[in-house]
Amino acid sequence: MNRMPIRPKDTNAWVMQVWASFVVSFAAAGFSIAYAPVDSWVRAQLGVTFLYATTSAFTLSKTVRDNHEASKIVSRIDEAKIEKLLAQHDPLLK
């Protein structure tokens, strides 16, 4: 039994919406930090914190994706082993 898993592909509209949302949120946060009525060192700290949160979000999403893909591969390997065992087993021969 050879089943090729179908990987769903995101539509171009979804990809554009995700990127637009990211750009708008990044610009809004940058604008808010730049024009906040605080000292420059506080503004710099907010900027660094925002960039750190952004990179952490990318790292987290990549880690979740990688773990999900790894679990799919492991389950496919386990499924192949079970299919091989079942194919070798003949209940009538004993």
PDB file of N, CA and C in Angstrom:
ATOM      1  N   MET A   1       0.856  -1.173   0.000  1.00  0.00           N
ATOM      2  CA  MET A   1       0.000   0.000   0.000  1.00  0.00           C
ATOM      3  C   MET A   1       0.902   1.237   0.000  1.00  0.00           C
ATOM      4  N   ASN A   2       0.946   1.910  -1.083  1.00  0.00           N
ATOM      5  CA  ASN A   2       1.816   3.074  -1.240  1.00  0.00           C
ATOM      6  C   ASN A   2       0.960   4.337  -1.301  1.00  0.00           C
ATOM      7  N   ARG A   3       0.873   4.999  -0.182  1.00  0.00           N
ATOM      8  CA  ARG A   3       0.084   6.235  -0.132  1.00  0.00           C
ATOM      9  C   ARG A   3       1.021   7.424  -0.022  1.00  0.00           C
ATOM     10  N   MET A   4       0.904   8.327  -0.928  1.00  0.00           N
ATOM     11  CA  MET A   4       1.679   9.567  -0.867  1.00  0.00           C
ATOM     12  C   MET A   4       0.839  10.616  -0.140  1.00  0.00           C
ATOM     13  N   PRO A   5       1.336  11.123   0.990  1.00  0.00           N
ATOM     14  CA  PRO A   5       0.554  12.129   1.692  1.00  0.00           C
ATOM     15  C   PRO A   5       0.485  13.422   0.872  1.00  0.00           C
ATOM     16  N   ILE A   6      -0.689  13.996   0.850  1.00  0.00           N
ATOM     17  CA  ILE A   6      -0.877  15.244   0.118  1.00  0.00           C
ATOM     18  C   ILE A   6      -0.618  16.394   1.077  1.00  0.00           C
ATOM     19  N   ARG A   7       0.339  17.209   0.734  1.00  0.00           N
ATOM     20  CA  ARG A   7       0.686  18.356   1.573  1.00  0.00           C
ATOM     21  C   ARG A   7      -0.158  19.538   1.126  1.00  0.00           C
ATOM     22  N   PRO A   8      -0.990  20.046   2.036  1.00  0.00           N
ATOM     23  CA  PRO A   8      -1.810  21.196   1.636  1.00  0.00           C
ATOM     24  C   PRO A   8      -0.939  22.418   1.372  1.00  0.00           C
ATOM     25  N   LYS A   9      -1.285  23.149   0.350  1.00  0.00           N
ATOM     26  CA  LYS A   9      -0.522  24.343  -0.014  1.00  0.00           C
ATOM     27  C   LYS A   9      -1.365  25.563   0.299  1.00  0.00           C
ATOM     28  N   ASP A  10      -0.736  26.555   0.913  1.00  0.00           N
ATOM     29  CA  ASP A  10      -1.433  27.797   1.229  1.00  0.00           C
ATOM     30  C   ASP A  10      -1.734  28.562  -0.053  1.00  0.00           C
ATOM     31  N   THR A  11      -2.876  29.242  -0.056  1.00  0.00           N
ATOM     32  CA  THR A  11      -3.224  30.050  -1.218  1.00  0.00           C
ATOM     33  C   THR A  11      -2.407  31.338  -1.202  1.00  0.00           C
ATOM     34  N   ASN A  12      -2.283  31.964  -2.371  1.00  0.00           N
ATOM     35  CA  ASN A  12      -1.542  33.225  -2.460  1.00  0.00           C
ATOM     36  C   ASN A  12      -2.203  34.312  -1.624  1.00  0.00           C
ATOM     37  N   ALA A  13      -3.532  34.307  -1.557  1.00  0.00           N
ATOM     38  CA  ALA A  13      -4.242  35.301  -0.753  1.00  0.00           C
ATOM     39  C   ALA A  13      -3.898  35.159   0.719  1.00  0.00           C
ATOM     40  N   TRP A  14      -3.807  33.919   1.204  1.00  0.00           N
ATOM     41  CA  TRP A  14      -3.459  33.698   2.613  1.00  0.00           C
ATOM     42  C   TRP A  14      -2.036  34.166   2.902  1.00  0.00           C
ATOM     43  N   VAL A  15      -1.118  33.840   2.023  1.00  0.00           N
ATOM     44  CA  VAL A  15       0.275  34.249   2.211  1.00  0.00           C
ATOM     45  C   VAL A  15       0.384  35.774   2.234  1.00  0.00           C
ATOM     46  N   MET A  16      -0.329  36.438   1.315  1.00  0.00           N
ATOM     47  CA  MET A  16      -0.312  37.912   1.296  1.00  0.00           C
ATOM     48  C   MET A  16      -0.915  38.485   2.575  1.00  0.00           C
ATOM     49  N   GLN A  17      -1.990  37.875   3.072  1.00  0.00           N
ATOM     50  CA  GLN A  17      -2.617  38.355   4.296  1.00  0.00           C
ATOM     51  C   GLN A  17      -1.678  38.205   5.490  1.00  0.00           C
ATOM     52  N   VAL A  18      -0.984  37.078   5.558  1.00  0.00           N
ATOM     53  CA  VAL A  18      -0.049  36.849   6.662  1.00  0.00           C
ATOM     54  C   VAL A  18       1.079  37.869   6.619  1.00  0.00           C
ATOM     55  N   TRP A  19       1.659  38.092   5.432  1.00  0.00           N
ATOM     56  CA  TRP A  19       2.752  39.058   5.318  1.00  0.00           C
ATOM     57  C   TRP A  19       2.267  40.482   5.598  1.00  0.00           C
ATOM     58  N   ALA A  20       1.100  40.830   5.099  1.00  0.00           N
ATOM     59  CA  ALA A  20       0.566  42.174   5.349  1.00  0.00           C
ATOM     60  C   ALA A  20       0.318  42.379   6.834  1.00  0.00           C
ATOM     61  N   SER A  21      -0.212  41.374   7.499  1.00  0.00           N
ATOM     62  CA  SER A  21      -0.447  41.465   8.935  1.00  0.00           C
ATOM     63  C   SER A  21       0.860  41.644   9.691  1.00  0.00           C
ATOM     64  N   PHE A  22       1.878  40.897   9.288  1.00  0.00           N
ATOM     65  CA  PHE A  22       3.192  41.029   9.936  1.00  0.00           C
ATOM     66  C   PHE A  22       3.762  42.422   9.737  1.00  0.00           C
ATOM     67  N   VAL A  23       3.726  42.923   8.511  1.00  0.00           N
ATOM     68  CA  VAL A  23       4.291  44.249   8.214  1.00  0.00           C
ATOM     69  C   VAL A  23       3.533  45.344   8.968  1.00  0.00           C
ATOM     70  N   VAL A  24       2.205  45.265   8.977  1.00  0.00           N
ATOM     71  CA  VAL A  24       1.408  46.282   9.671  1.00  0.00           C
ATOM     72  C   VAL A  24       1.673  46.254  11.176  1.00  0.00           C
ATOM     73  N   SER A  25       1.711  45.062  11.768  1.00  0.00           N
ATOM     74  CA  SER A  25       1.954  44.976  13.207  1.00  0.00           C
ATOM     75  C   SER A  25       3.362  45.446  13.566  1.00  0.00           C
ATOM     76  N   PHE A  26       4.332  45.089  12.730  1.00  0.00           N
ATOM     77  CA  PHE A  26       5.715  45.521  12.964  1.00  0.00           C
ATOM     78  C   PHE A  26       5.823  47.035  12.857  1.00  0.00           C
ATOM     79  N   ALA A  27       5.189  47.620  11.845  1.00  0.00           N
ATOM     80  CA  ALA A  27       5.226  49.076  11.659  1.00  0.00           C
ATOM     81  C   ALA A  27       4.496  49.793  12.791  1.00  0.00           C
ATOM     82  N   ALA A  28       3.356  49.266  13.214  1.00  0.00           N
ATOM     83  CA  ALA A  28       2.608  49.894  14.305  1.00  0.00           C
ATOM     84  C   ALA A  28       3.404  49.866  15.609  1.00  0.00           C
ATOM     85  N   ALA A  29       4.031  48.743  15.889  1.00  0.00           N
ATOM     86  CA  ALA A  29       4.842  48.657  17.107  1.00  0.00           C
ATOM     87  C   ALA A  29       6.041  49.594  17.012  1.00  0.00           C
ATOM     88  N   GLY A  30       6.687  49.643  15.866  1.00  0.00           N
ATOM     89  CA  GLY A  30       7.821  50.560  15.686  1.00  0.00           C
ATOM     90  C   GLY A  30       7.407  52.011  15.825  1.00  0.00           C
ATOM     91  N   PHE A  31       6.273  52.364  15.240  1.00  0.00           N
ATOM     92  CA  PHE A  31       5.755  53.727  15.358  1.00  0.00           C
ATOM     93  C   PHE A  31       5.436  54.064  16.809  1.00  0.00           C
ATOM     94  N   SER A  32       4.803  53.122  17.502  1.00  0.00           N
ATOM     95  CA  SER A  32       4.464  53.347  18.908  1.00  0.00           C
ATOM     96  C   SER A  32       5.701  53.530  19.766  1.00  0.00           C
ATOM     97  N   ILE A  33       6.715  52.746  19.507  1.00  0.00           N
ATOM     98  CA  ILE A  33       7.954  52.867  20.286  1.00  0.00           C
ATOM     99  C   ILE A  33       8.660  54.173  19.945  1.00  0.00           C
ATOM    100  N   ALA A  34       8.695  54.516  18.667  1.00  0.00           N
ATOM    101  CA  ALA A  34       9.413  55.725  18.245  1.00  0.00           C
ATOM    102  C   ALA A  34       8.768  56.994  18.805  1.00  0.00           C
ATOM    103  N   TYR A  35       7.464  57.018  18.903  1.00  0.00           N
ATOM    104  CA  TYR A  35       6.769  58.230  19.342  1.00  0.00           C
ATOM    105  C   TYR A  35       6.234  58.139  20.769  1.00  0.00           C
ATOM    106  N   ALA A  36       6.692  57.174  21.531  1.00  0.00           N
ATOM    107  CA  ALA A  36       6.276  57.069  22.933  1.00  0.00           C
ATOM    108  C   ALA A  36       6.887  58.235  23.718  1.00  0.00           C
ATOM    109  N   PRO A  37       6.121  58.815  24.645  1.00  0.00           N
ATOM    110  CA  PRO A  37       6.640  59.951  25.420  1.00  0.00           C
ATOM    111  C   PRO A  37       7.533  59.503  26.578  1.00  0.00           C
ATOM    112  N   VAL A  38       8.651  58.879  26.226  1.00  0.00           N
ATOM    113  CA  VAL A  38       9.593  58.377  27.231  1.00  0.00           C
ATOM    114  C   VAL A  38      11.006  58.768  26.817  1.00  0.00           C
ATOM    115  N   ASP A  39      11.951  58.565  27.746  1.00  0.00           N
ATOM    116  CA  ASP A  39      13.352  58.850  27.451  1.00  0.00           C
ATOM    117  C   ASP A  39      13.883  57.902  26.374  1.00  0.00           C
ATOM    118  N   SER A  40      14.990  58.300  25.780  1.00  0.00           N
ATOM    119  CA  SER A  40      15.544  57.507  24.680  1.00  0.00           C
ATOM    120  C   SER A  40      16.029  56.133  25.142  1.00  0.00           C
ATOM    121  N   TRP A  41      16.526  56.020  26.359  1.00  0.00           N
ATOM    122  CA  TRP A  41      16.994  54.708  26.825  1.00  0.00           C
ATOM    123  C   TRP A  41      15.814  53.758  27.033  1.00  0.00           C
ATOM    124  N   VAL A  42      14.670  54.280  27.454  1.00  0.00           N
ATOM    125  CA  VAL A  42      13.477  53.450  27.592  1.00  0.00           C
ATOM    126  C   VAL A  42      12.988  53.025  26.204  1.00  0.00           C
ATOM    127  N   ARG A  43      13.023  53.946  25.267  1.00  0.00           N
ATOM    128  CA  ARG A  43      12.629  53.654  23.887  1.00  0.00           C
ATOM    129  C   ARG A  43      13.538  52.569  23.298  1.00  0.00           C
ATOM    130  N   ALA A  44      14.837  52.682  23.562  1.00  0.00           N
ATOM    131  CA  ALA A  44      15.787  51.676  23.066  1.00  0.00           C
ATOM    132  C   ALA A  44      15.502  50.315  23.696  1.00  0.00           C
ATOM    133  N   GLN A  45      15.205  50.299  24.990  1.00  0.00           N
ATOM    134  CA  GLN A  45      14.882  49.037  25.659  1.00  0.00           C
ATOM    135  C   GLN A  45      13.610  48.414  25.082  1.00  0.00           C
ATOM    136  N   LEU A  46      12.612  49.226  24.823  1.00  0.00           N
ATOM    137  CA  LEU A  46      11.380  48.727  24.210  1.00  0.00           C
ATOM    138  C   LEU A  46      11.650  48.170  22.811  1.00  0.00           C
ATOM    139  N   GLY A  47      12.497  48.841  22.056  1.00  0.00           N
ATOM    140  CA  GLY A  47      12.846  48.364  20.716  1.00  0.00           C
ATOM    141  C   GLY A  47      13.561  47.030  20.752  1.00  0.00           C
ATOM    142  N   VAL A  48      14.523  46.892  21.643  1.00  0.00           N
ATOM    143  CA  VAL A  48      15.262  45.637  21.758  1.00  0.00           C
ATOM    144  C   VAL A  48      14.321  44.517  22.218  1.00  0.00           C
ATOM    145  N   THR A  49      13.453  44.831  23.167  1.00  0.00           N
ATOM    146  CA  THR A  49      12.490  43.837  23.651  1.00  0.00           C
ATOM    147  C   THR A  49      11.551  43.399  22.533  1.00  0.00           C
ATOM    148  N   PHE A  50      11.094  44.348  21.740  1.00  0.00           N
ATOM    149  CA  PHE A  50      10.212  44.026  20.612  1.00  0.00           C
ATOM    150  C   PHE A  50      10.925  43.140  19.590  1.00  0.00           C
ATOM    151  N   LEU A  51      12.160  43.464  19.257  1.00  0.00           N
ATOM    152  CA  LEU A  51      12.915  42.637  18.311  1.00  0.00           C
ATOM    153  C   LEU A  51      13.171  41.243  18.868  1.00  0.00           C
ATOM    154  N   TYR A  52      13.444  41.157  20.167  1.00  0.00           N
ATOM    155  CA  TYR A  52      13.662  39.852  20.794  1.00  0.00           C
ATOM    156  C   TYR A  52      12.380  39.018  20.748  1.00  0.00           C
ATOM    157  N   ALA A  53      11.251  39.643  21.030  1.00  0.00           N
ATOM    158  CA  ALA A  53       9.973  38.928  20.974  1.00  0.00           C
ATOM    159  C   ALA A  53       9.680  38.456  19.545  1.00  0.00           C
ATOM    160  N   THR A  54      10.018  39.278  18.566  1.00  0.00           N
ATOM    161  CA  THR A  54       9.789  38.908  17.165  1.00  0.00           C
ATOM    162  C   THR A  54      10.645  37.706  16.771  1.00  0.00           C
ATOM    163  N   THR A  55      11.926  37.731  17.103  1.00  0.00           N
ATOM    164  CA  THR A  55      12.798  36.604  16.756  1.00  0.00           C
ATOM    165  C   THR A  55      12.398  35.353  17.523  1.00  0.00           C
ATOM    166  N   SER A  56      11.944  35.505  18.759  1.00  0.00           N
ATOM    167  CA  SER A  56      11.483  34.350  19.530  1.00  0.00           C
ATOM    168  C   SER A  56      10.244  33.735  18.906  1.00  0.00           C
ATOM    169  N   ALA A  57       9.357  34.565  18.394  1.00  0.00           N
ATOM    170  CA  ALA A  57       8.150  34.051  17.732  1.00  0.00           C
ATOM    171  C   ALA A  57       8.519  33.249  16.481  1.00  0.00           C
ATOM    172  N   PHE A  58       9.482  33.744  15.694  1.00  0.00           N
ATOM    173  CA  PHE A  58       9.930  32.999  14.510  1.00  0.00           C
ATOM    174  C   PHE A  58      10.562  31.672  14.913  1.00  0.00           C
ATOM    175  N   THR A  59      11.393  31.694  15.945  1.00  0.00           N
ATOM    176  CA  THR A  59      12.053  30.478  16.407  1.00  0.00           C
ATOM    177  C   THR A  59      11.040  29.467  16.920  1.00  0.00           C
ATOM    178  N   LEU A  60      10.056  29.934  17.682  1.00  0.00           N
ATOM    179  CA  LEU A  60       9.023  29.046  18.194  1.00  0.00           C
ATOM    180  C   LEU A  60       8.216  28.428  17.068  1.00  0.00           C
ATOM    181  N   SER A  61       7.817  29.226  16.094  1.00  0.00           N
ATOM    182  CA  SER A  61       7.016  28.677  14.995  1.00  0.00           C
ATOM    183  C   SER A  61       7.814  27.660  14.181  1.00  0.00           C
ATOM    184  N   LYS A  62       9.102  27.909  13.982  1.00  0.00           N
ATOM    185  CA  LYS A  62       9.939  26.954  13.251  1.00  0.00           C
ATOM    186  C   LYS A  62      10.096  25.658  14.047  1.00  0.00           C
ATOM    187  N   THR A  63      10.273  25.767  15.353  1.00  0.00           N
ATOM    188  CA  THR A  63      10.421  24.580  16.186  1.00  0.00           C
ATOM    189  C   THR A  63       9.146  23.745  16.192  1.00  0.00           C
ATOM    190  N   VAL A  64       7.995  24.391  16.308  1.00  0.00           N
ATOM    191  CA  VAL A  64       6.717  23.671  16.283  1.00  0.00           C
ATOM    192  C   VAL A  64       6.538  22.975  14.938  1.00  0.00           C
ATOM    193  N   ARG A  65       6.855  23.673  13.849  1.00  0.00           N
ATOM    194  CA  ARG A  65       6.735  23.074  12.515  1.00  0.00           C
ATOM    195  C   ARG A  65       7.672  21.877  12.364  1.00  0.00           C
ATOM    196  N   ASP A  66       8.930  22.036  12.793  1.00  0.00           N
ATOM    197  CA  ASP A  66       9.899  20.950  12.666  1.00  0.00           C
ATOM    198  C   ASP A  66       9.480  19.726  13.480  1.00  0.00           C
ATOM    199  N   ASN A  67       8.986  19.949  14.701  1.00  0.00           N
ATOM    200  CA  ASN A  67       8.537  18.827  15.534  1.00  0.00           C
ATOM    201  C   ASN A  67       7.336  18.129  14.909  1.00  0.00           C
ATOM    202  N   HIS A  68       6.436  18.897  14.342  1.00  0.00           N
ATOM    203  CA  HIS A  68       5.271  18.310  13.681  1.00  0.00           C
ATOM    204  C   HIS A  68       5.697  17.473  12.478  1.00  0.00           C
ATOM    205  N   GLU A  69       6.600  17.991  11.668  1.00  0.00           N
ATOM    206  CA  GLU A  69       7.080  17.240  10.499  1.00  0.00           C
ATOM    207  C   GLU A  69       7.840  15.998  10.922  1.00  0.00           C
ATOM    208  N   ALA A  70       8.621  16.082  12.003  1.00  0.00           N
ATOM    209  CA  ALA A  70       9.365  14.917  12.480  1.00  0.00           C
ATOM    210  C   ALA A  70       8.417  13.840  12.975  1.00  0.00           C
ATOM    211  N   SER A  71       7.337  14.236  13.642  1.00  0.00           N
ATOM    212  CA  SER A  71       6.386  13.234  14.121  1.00  0.00           C
ATOM    213  C   SER A  71       5.675  12.561  12.953  1.00  0.00           C
ATOM    214  N   LYS A  72       5.427  13.296  11.871  1.00  0.00           N
ATOM    215  CA  LYS A  72       4.808  12.688  10.695  1.00  0.00           C
ATOM    216  C   LYS A  72       5.742  11.654  10.081  1.00  0.00           C
ATOM    217  N   ILE A  73       7.037  11.950  10.034  1.00  0.00           N
ATOM    218  CA  ILE A  73       8.012  11.016   9.460  1.00  0.00           C
ATOM    219  C   ILE A  73       8.113   9.765  10.325  1.00  0.00           C
ATOM    220  N   VAL A  74       8.169   9.940  11.652  1.00  0.00           N
ATOM    221  CA  VAL A  74       8.264   8.792  12.553  1.00  0.00           C
ATOM    222  C   VAL A  74       7.024   7.914  12.431  1.00  0.00           C
ATOM    223  N   SER A  75       5.851   8.529  12.355  1.00  0.00           N
ATOM    224  CA  SER A  75       4.635   7.721  12.240  1.00  0.00           C
ATOM    225  C   SER A  75       4.598   6.987  10.901  1.00  0.00           C
ATOM    226  N   ARG A  76       5.121   7.603   9.843  1.00  0.00           N
ATOM    227  CA  ARG A  76       5.156   6.906   8.546  1.00  0.00           C
ATOM    228  C   ARG A  76       6.118   5.728   8.596  1.00  0.00           C
ATOM    229  N   ILE A  77       7.247   5.885   9.289  1.00  0.00           N
ATOM    230  CA  ILE A  77       8.207   4.779   9.420  1.00  0.00           C
ATOM    231  C   ILE A  77       7.574   3.649  10.218  1.00  0.00           C
ATOM    232  N   ASP A  78       6.892   3.988  11.334  1.00  0.00           N
ATOM    233  CA  ASP A  78       6.219   2.967  12.135  1.00  0.00           C
ATOM    234  C   ASP A  78       5.141   2.250  11.323  1.00  0.00           C
ATOM    235  N   GLU A  79       4.395   3.011  10.544  1.00  0.00           N
ATOM    236  CA  GLU A  79       3.344   2.424   9.703  1.00  0.00           C
ATOM    237  C   GLU A  79       3.952   1.476   8.683  1.00  0.00           C
ATOM    238  N   ALA A  80       5.081   1.843   8.102  1.00  0.00           N
ATOM    239  CA  ALA A  80       5.738   0.978   7.116  1.00  0.00           C
ATOM    240  C   ALA A  80       6.231  -0.312   7.774  1.00  0.00           C
ATOM    241  N   LYS A  81       6.745  -0.213   8.993  1.00  0.00           N
ATOM    242  CA  LYS A  81       7.203  -1.415   9.701  1.00  0.00           C
ATOM    243  C   LYS A  81       6.038  -2.345   9.988  1.00  0.00           C
ATOM    244  N   ILE A  82       4.913  -1.786  10.410  1.00  0.00           N
ATOM    245  CA  ILE A  82       3.735  -2.609  10.705  1.00  0.00           C
ATOM    246  C   ILE A  82       3.216  -3.265   9.426  1.00  0.00           C
ATOM    247  N   GLU A  83       3.172  -2.522   8.324  1.00  0.00           N
ATOM    248  CA  GLU A  83       2.725  -3.100   7.062  1.00  0.00           C
ATOM    249  C   GLU A  83       3.641  -4.228   6.614  1.00  0.00           C
ATOM    250  N   LYS A  84       4.940  -4.077   6.836  1.00  0.00           N
ATOM    251  CA  LYS A  84       5.883  -5.127   6.465  1.00  0.00           C
ATOM    252  C   LYS A  84       5.647  -6.378   7.312  1.00  0.00           C
ATOM    253  N   LEU A  85       5.438  -6.191   8.624  1.00  0.00           N
ATOM    254  CA  LEU A  85       5.169  -7.333   9.494  1.00  0.00           C
ATOM    255  C   LEU A  85       3.875  -8.038   9.100  1.00  0.00           C
ATOM    256  N   LEU A  86       2.851  -7.259   8.799  1.00  0.00           N
ATOM    257  CA  LEU A  86       1.577  -7.858   8.400  1.00  0.00           C
ATOM    258  C   LEU A  86       1.694  -8.578   7.071  1.00  0.00           C
ATOM    259  N   ALA A  87       2.501  -8.040   6.165  1.00  0.00           N
ATOM    260  CA  ALA A  87       2.684  -8.683   4.865  1.00  0.00           C
ATOM    261  C   ALA A  87       3.434 -10.009   5.012  1.00  0.00           C
ATOM    262  N   GLN A  88       4.338 -10.071   5.982  1.00  0.00           N
ATOM    263  CA  GLN A  88       5.114 -11.302   6.190  1.00  0.00           C
ATOM    264  C   GLN A  88       4.315 -12.356   6.952  1.00  0.00           C
ATOM    265  N   HIS A  89       3.317 -11.935   7.667  1.00  0.00           N
ATOM    266  CA  HIS A  89       2.542 -12.867   8.494  1.00  0.00           C
ATOM    267  C   HIS A  89       1.470 -13.553   7.653  1.00  0.00           C
ATOM    268  N   ASP A  90       1.516 -14.855   7.671  1.00  0.00           N
ATOM    269  CA  ASP A  90       0.489 -15.639   6.985  1.00  0.00           C
ATOM    270  C   ASP A  90      -0.168 -16.535   8.026  1.00  0.00           C
ATOM    271  N   PRO A  91      -1.408 -16.229   8.406  1.00  0.00           N
ATOM    272  CA  PRO A  91      -2.047 -16.986   9.496  1.00  0.00           C
ATOM    273  C   PRO A  91      -2.314 -18.456   9.142  1.00  0.00           C
ATOM    274  N   LEU A  92      -2.314 -18.804   7.862  1.00  0.00           N
ATOM    275  CA  LEU A  92      -2.589 -20.184   7.467  1.00  0.00           C
ATOM    276  C   LEU A  92      -1.373 -21.081   7.558  1.00  0.00           C
ATOM    277  N   LEU A  93      -0.175 -20.499   7.584  1.00  0.00           N
ATOM    278  CA  LEU A  93       1.046 -21.308   7.699  1.00  0.00           C
ATOM    279  C   LEU A  93       1.458 -21.400   9.163  1.00  0.00           C
ATOM    280  N   LYS A  94       1.481 -22.604   9.656  1.00  0.00           N
ATOM    281  CA  LYS A  94       1.979 -22.845  11.021  1.00  0.00           C
ATOM    282  C   LYS A  94       2.214 -24.263  11.250  1.00  0.00           C
TER     283      LYS A  94
END
